[in-house]
């Protein structure tokens, strides 16, 4: 996956796999700039999830990284989506970035309520560890996954950012063995497109300074591999990476895995368009956007008076 090769002949995923095993989503369900496109012109943060879920079957849900919702708000979210929509929330950073992972999780009383209420609606619970989390703390990670396993039946995936987990040596093999033994997957963050971008756009430069620049090791250690893809601002320059991912997704789906692919751009303002462009490249269908549905002819008539 780290080479520059590309497929000579692109092909349609829908011809080769059951695309219901491929879940494509965005990092959030609302940005004000999505109004009139993905979302209706008057959509607010309160009702955006309902419209978003008519187009995408999952969401990365970065919101929980900064804090868990109240039970009332979580119930509202659940009421807005269909039974087959899946949230892929991140563990709060007060846990994943704590000095002692297990101790922090045990103190978070609201976490148990959160996981219980989401039972059956949580696609993947993601643990995003900081770059300071080194292989010397691997036992802590094992303890945390054990703790979470006792509280949710959802799949678990871990994103590591310390460089020592990417050297294809004993440290990386130790991580992969742990995840495989625990039935957990590795979150794969692919920023190759972003990092190859020579644009002087402020959003691109800011993202390049903030996002991790690490090798892409597309290894699935369990049944729910997660890819977080942030692309080049010139979408055509992402094709070689996306066609590589197309091959890998076919392999994983044929092995019976559920694949989760989350689409980012530097500012995420154009993430919905980019996601649909990717689906076109892969030959998968995407649904009409609520913000682009033709207006009611009666409303249109009166608006012109």
Foldseek 3Di string as FASTA:
>chain_A
DQDLDFDPDADALVVQFDCVLEFEEAQDQDDLLCDLPLHDVPDDPQQSLLQSCVWGQEHAAAVCLQNDDDPVSVVSNVVSHDLRRAYAYEHHCQQQADPQNVVSVVPPPVVLVVQVVCASRHAEYEREHDLPDALVCVVSVLNNLVVVVVRYPHAYEYEYQHQVCAPPDPSVVVVLVSCLVSQHFYEWEACVQLCVAPDPDPLSVVLNVPDGDHDGDPDTSHQEYHYEYEHHPVLVVCNRVLSVVLVVVSVSSVVVHRYYYYYAYSVNSCRVVSSVVSNVSNNHDTDHRNSPPDDDVVVVVVVVD
